[in-house]
Amino acid sequence: MTELLFNFVLLTLAILFLSLAATAVYNSYVNNRQLEFNQSYMLSNLIIDIDAISEMFDILIDSCFMEYFLFDPVQEGTYINAEMEKKIATEITSKVISRITTGILSRLKLIYVIDTEQELSDIVAKKVYIRVTDFIVSNNKPTL
């Protein structure tokens, strides 16, 4: 009789354990499906204004560009050689990178592939190079 009671208790505990395990697995599955649904719903309703993000980035670069020339002015018509161009671009790039906040970075990641700090530096350097080159071309243009 005690052996039968022992087997009954053991079977009851096994069934209880299995039902708890099944409930945990089911709840985990339901929670994961709900999370996936919420993420897909949020992504489908997310509107990315690429032009606004790009414009914000350009404004940041332009403000650092203007600040650089405010504190280190180049006389109009002064020829800017390659060495000066590199110095200007490097300093403005550093200034822009130092001003990129986590909010700006998260927006930039929506339109650029940025996984490392080096990738961010490369993107900023390219944008700054274009801005600096445009300035230098207009500055070094011979006056008639």
C-alpha atoms as a PDB file:
ATOM      1  CA  MET A   1       0.000   0.000   0.000  1.00  0.00           C
ATOM      2  CA  THR A   2       2.809   2.457   0.827  1.00  0.00           C
ATOM      3  CA  GLU A   3       4.489   1.627  -2.449  1.00  0.00           C
ATOM      4  CA  LEU A   4       1.266   2.431  -4.292  1.00  0.00           C
ATOM      5  CA  LEU A   5       0.926   5.702  -2.380  1.00  0.00           C
ATOM      6  CA  PHE A   6       4.566   6.542  -3.106  1.00  0.00           C
ATOM      7  CA  ASN A   7       4.033   5.885  -6.831  1.00  0.00           C
ATOM      8  CA  PHE A   8       0.864   7.997  -6.779  1.00  0.00           C
ATOM      9  CA  VAL A   9       2.658  10.930  -5.125  1.00  0.00           C
ATOM     10  CA  LEU A  10       5.583  10.581  -7.525  1.00  0.00           C
ATOM     11  CA  LEU A  11       3.237  10.497 -10.516  1.00  0.00           C
ATOM     12  CA  THR A  12       1.332  13.521  -9.193  1.00  0.00           C
ATOM     13  CA  LEU A  13       4.556  15.476  -8.734  1.00  0.00           C
ATOM     14  CA  ALA A  14       5.720  14.496 -12.221  1.00  0.00           C
ATOM     15  CA  ILE A  15       2.419  15.649 -13.753  1.00  0.00           C
ATOM     16  CA  LEU A  16       2.588  18.890 -11.756  1.00  0.00           C
ATOM     17  CA  PHE A  17       6.171  19.500 -12.884  1.00  0.00           C
ATOM     18  CA  LEU A  18       5.297  18.774 -16.525  1.00  0.00           C
ATOM     19  CA  SER A  19       2.287  21.091 -16.408  1.00  0.00           C
ATOM     20  CA  LEU A  20       4.408  23.883 -14.879  1.00  0.00           C
ATOM     21  CA  ALA A  21       7.081  23.359 -17.525  1.00  0.00           C
ATOM     22  CA  ALA A  22       4.505  23.333 -20.317  1.00  0.00           C
ATOM     23  CA  THR A  23       2.924  26.520 -18.946  1.00  0.00           C
ATOM     24  CA  ALA A  24       6.322  28.236 -18.772  1.00  0.00           C
ATOM     25  CA  VAL A  25       7.169  27.236 -22.348  1.00  0.00           C
ATOM     26  CA  TYR A  26       3.741  28.354 -23.581  1.00  0.00           C
ATOM     27  CA  ASN A  27       3.980  31.710 -21.763  1.00  0.00           C
ATOM     28  CA  SER A  28       7.464  32.250 -23.153  1.00  0.00           C
ATOM     29  CA  TYR A  29       6.221  31.505 -26.666  1.00  0.00           C
ATOM     30  CA  VAL A  30       3.255  33.859 -26.268  1.00  0.00           C
ATOM     31  CA  ASN A  31       5.466  36.622 -24.849  1.00  0.00           C
ATOM     32  CA  ASN A  32       7.976  36.246 -27.693  1.00  0.00           C
ATOM     33  CA  ARG A  33       5.207  36.358 -30.298  1.00  0.00           C
ATOM     34  CA  GLN A  34       3.736  39.451 -28.614  1.00  0.00           C
ATOM     35  CA  LEU A  35       7.172  41.103 -28.579  1.00  0.00           C
ATOM     36  CA  GLU A  36       7.708  40.280 -32.273  1.00  0.00           C
ATOM     37  CA  PHE A  37       4.279  41.683 -33.086  1.00  0.00           C
ATOM     38  CA  ASN A  38       4.962  44.874 -31.142  1.00  0.00           C
ATOM     39  CA  GLN A  39       8.337  45.345 -32.848  1.00  0.00           C
ATOM     40  CA  SER A  40       6.923  44.784 -36.318  1.00  0.00           C
ATOM     41  CA  TYR A  41       4.016  47.136 -35.552  1.00  0.00           C
ATOM     42  CA  MET A  42       6.383  49.844 -34.340  1.00  0.00           C
ATOM     43  CA  LEU A  43       8.670  49.417 -37.361  1.00  0.00           C
ATOM     44  CA  SER A  44       5.764  49.512 -39.785  1.00  0.00           C
ATOM     45  CA  ASN A  45       4.576  52.777 -38.241  1.00  0.00           C
ATOM     46  CA  LEU A  46       8.042  54.331 -38.056  1.00  0.00           C
ATOM     47  CA  ILE A  47       8.472  57.094 -40.581  1.00  0.00           C
ATOM     48  CA  ILE A  48      12.078  57.905 -41.353  1.00  0.00           C
ATOM     49  CA  ASP A  49      12.565  61.367 -42.764  1.00  0.00           C
ATOM     50  CA  ILE A  50      15.905  60.835 -44.463  1.00  0.00           C
ATOM     51  CA  ASP A  51      16.045  64.401 -45.744  1.00  0.00           C
ATOM     52  CA  ALA A  52      15.531  65.837 -42.250  1.00  0.00           C
ATOM     53  CA  ILE A  53      18.258  63.610 -40.798  1.00  0.00           C
ATOM     54  CA  SER A  54      20.645  64.484 -43.619  1.00  0.00           C
ATOM     55  CA  GLU A  55      19.848  68.190 -43.232  1.00  0.00           C
ATOM     56  CA  MET A  56      20.472  67.999 -39.480  1.00  0.00           C
ATOM     57  CA  PHE A  57      23.848  66.369 -40.163  1.00  0.00           C
ATOM     58  CA  ASP A  58      24.716  69.041 -42.746  1.00  0.00           C
ATOM     59  CA  ILE A  59      23.756  71.806 -40.298  1.00  0.00           C
ATOM     60  CA  LEU A  60      26.048  70.296 -37.666  1.00  0.00           C
ATOM     61  CA  ILE A  61      28.913  70.174 -40.157  1.00  0.00           C
ATOM     62  CA  ASP A  62      28.241  73.728 -41.381  1.00  0.00           C
ATOM     63  CA  SER A  63      28.148  75.105 -37.836  1.00  0.00           C
ATOM     64  CA  CYS A  64      31.489  73.470 -37.022  1.00  0.00           C
ATOM     65  CA  PHE A  65      32.862  74.741 -40.348  1.00  0.00           C
ATOM     66  CA  MET A  66      31.784  78.317 -39.621  1.00  0.00           C
ATOM     67  CA  GLU A  67      33.056  78.133 -36.054  1.00  0.00           C
ATOM     68  CA  TYR A  68      36.446  76.941 -37.291  1.00  0.00           C
ATOM     69  CA  PHE A  69      36.804  79.895 -39.659  1.00  0.00           C
ATOM     70  CA  LEU A  70      35.508  82.295 -37.014  1.00  0.00           C
ATOM     71  CA  PHE A  71      38.365  81.417 -34.662  1.00  0.00           C
ATOM     72  CA  ASP A  72      40.980  80.662 -37.331  1.00  0.00           C
ATOM     73  CA  PRO A  73      40.068  82.948 -40.210  1.00  0.00           C
ATOM     74  CA  VAL A  74      41.606  82.652 -43.648  1.00  0.00           C
ATOM     75  CA  GLN A  75      41.985  85.916 -45.493  1.00  0.00           C
ATOM     76  CA  GLU A  76      39.806  86.007 -48.569  1.00  0.00           C
ATOM     77  CA  GLY A  77      41.881  85.210 -51.618  1.00  0.00           C
ATOM     78  CA  THR A  78      44.648  83.567 -49.567  1.00  0.00           C
ATOM     79  CA  TYR A  79      45.708  80.447 -51.413  1.00  0.00           C
ATOM     80  CA  ILE A  80      44.973  77.305 -49.406  1.00  0.00           C
ATOM     81  CA  ASN A  81      47.431  74.526 -50.213  1.00  0.00           C
ATOM     82  CA  ALA A  82      46.953  70.774 -49.716  1.00  0.00           C
ATOM     83  CA  GLU A  83      48.617  70.806 -46.292  1.00  0.00           C
ATOM     84  CA  MET A  84      46.316  73.563 -45.035  1.00  0.00           C
ATOM     85  CA  GLU A  85      43.322  71.780 -46.567  1.00  0.00           C
ATOM     86  CA  LYS A  86      44.168  68.574 -44.698  1.00  0.00           C
ATOM     87  CA  LYS A  87      44.601  70.492 -41.419  1.00  0.00           C
ATOM     88  CA  ILE A  88      41.272  72.274 -41.854  1.00  0.00           C
ATOM     89  CA  ALA A  89      39.408  69.060 -42.731  1.00  0.00           C
ATOM     90  CA  THR A  90      40.975  67.136 -39.827  1.00  0.00           C
ATOM     91  CA  GLU A  91      40.126  69.795 -37.260  1.00  0.00           C
ATOM     92  CA  ILE A  92      36.559  70.238 -38.483  1.00  0.00           C
ATOM     93  CA  THR A  93      36.047  66.456 -38.568  1.00  0.00           C
ATOM     94  CA  SER A  94      37.232  66.204 -34.951  1.00  0.00           C
ATOM     95  CA  LYS A  95      34.928  69.043 -33.945  1.00  0.00           C
ATOM     96  CA  VAL A  96      31.911  67.427 -35.641  1.00  0.00           C
ATOM     97  CA  ILE A  97      32.585  64.003 -34.098  1.00  0.00           C
ATOM     98  CA  SER A  98      32.903  65.527 -30.637  1.00  0.00           C
ATOM     99  CA  ARG A  99      29.471  67.124 -31.030  1.00  0.00           C
ATOM    100  CA  ILE A 100      27.600  64.023 -32.157  1.00  0.00           C
ATOM    101  CA  THR A 101      25.299  63.032 -29.323  1.00  0.00           C
ATOM    102  CA  THR A 102      23.715  59.627 -28.841  1.00  0.00           C
ATOM    103  CA  GLY A 103      20.450  61.045 -30.216  1.00  0.00           C
ATOM    104  CA  ILE A 104      22.135  62.278 -33.382  1.00  0.00           C
ATOM    105  CA  LEU A 105      24.039  59.004 -33.701  1.00  0.00           C
ATOM    106  CA  SER A 106      20.847  56.948 -33.437  1.00  0.00           C
ATOM    107  CA  ARG A 107      19.277  59.057 -36.204  1.00  0.00           C
ATOM    108  CA  LEU A 108      22.367  58.734 -38.390  1.00  0.00           C
ATOM    109  CA  LYS A 109      22.260  54.961 -37.940  1.00  0.00           C
ATOM    110  CA  LEU A 110      18.844  54.986 -39.612  1.00  0.00           C
ATOM    111  CA  ILE A 111      20.390  56.126 -42.906  1.00  0.00           C
ATOM    112  CA  TYR A 112      24.062  55.116 -42.611  1.00  0.00           C
ATOM    113  CA  VAL A 113      25.663  51.813 -41.643  1.00  0.00           C
ATOM    114  CA  ILE A 114      27.531  52.758 -38.484  1.00  0.00           C
ATOM    115  CA  ASP A 115      28.720  49.879 -36.325  1.00  0.00           C
ATOM    116  CA  THR A 116      32.038  51.263 -35.143  1.00  0.00           C
ATOM    117  CA  GLU A 117      33.515  54.601 -34.249  1.00  0.00           C
ATOM    118  CA  GLN A 118      35.800  54.304 -37.293  1.00  0.00           C
ATOM    119  CA  GLU A 119      32.796  54.027 -39.618  1.00  0.00           C
ATOM    120  CA  LEU A 120      31.336  57.160 -38.036  1.00  0.00           C
ATOM    121  CA  SER A 121      34.657  58.961 -38.497  1.00  0.00           C
ATOM    122  CA  ASP A 122      34.803  57.908 -42.150  1.00  0.00           C
ATOM    123  CA  ILE A 123      31.302  59.196 -42.874  1.00  0.00           C
ATOM    124  CA  VAL A 124      31.962  62.505 -41.126  1.00  0.00           C
ATOM    125  CA  ALA A 125      35.340  62.884 -42.840  1.00  0.00           C
ATOM    126  CA  LYS A 126      33.789  62.378 -46.286  1.00  0.00           C
ATOM    127  CA  LYS A 127      31.050  64.932 -45.644  1.00  0.00           C
ATOM    128  CA  VAL A 128      33.545  67.431 -44.203  1.00  0.00           C
ATOM    129  CA  TYR A 129      35.943  66.857 -47.096  1.00  0.00           C
ATOM    130  CA  ILE A 130      33.203  67.763 -49.586  1.00  0.00           C
ATOM    131  CA  ARG A 131      32.362  70.952 -47.642  1.00  0.00           C
ATOM    132  CA  VAL A 132      36.015  71.979 -47.253  1.00  0.00           C
ATOM    133  CA  THR A 133      36.842  71.215 -50.889  1.00  0.00           C
ATOM    134  CA  ASP A 134      33.899  73.322 -52.048  1.00  0.00           C
ATOM    135  CA  PHE A 135      35.152  76.209 -49.916  1.00  0.00           C
ATOM    136  CA  ILE A 136      38.749  75.854 -51.118  1.00  0.00           C
ATOM    137  CA  VAL A 137      37.743  75.732 -54.768  1.00  0.00           C
ATOM    138  CA  SER A 138      35.806  78.964 -54.415  1.00  0.00           C
ATOM    139  CA  ASN A 139      38.560  80.549 -52.290  1.00  0.00           C
ATOM    140  CA  ASN A 140      41.458  79.551 -54.572  1.00  0.00           C
ATOM    141  CA  LYS A 141      39.624  80.637 -57.714  1.00  0.00           C
ATOM    142  CA  PRO A 142      41.633  83.344 -59.424  1.00  0.00           C
ATOM    143  CA  THR A 143      40.034  86.777 -59.321  1.00  0.00           C
ATOM    144  CA  LEU A 144      39.595  88.542 -62.591  1.00  0.00           C
END
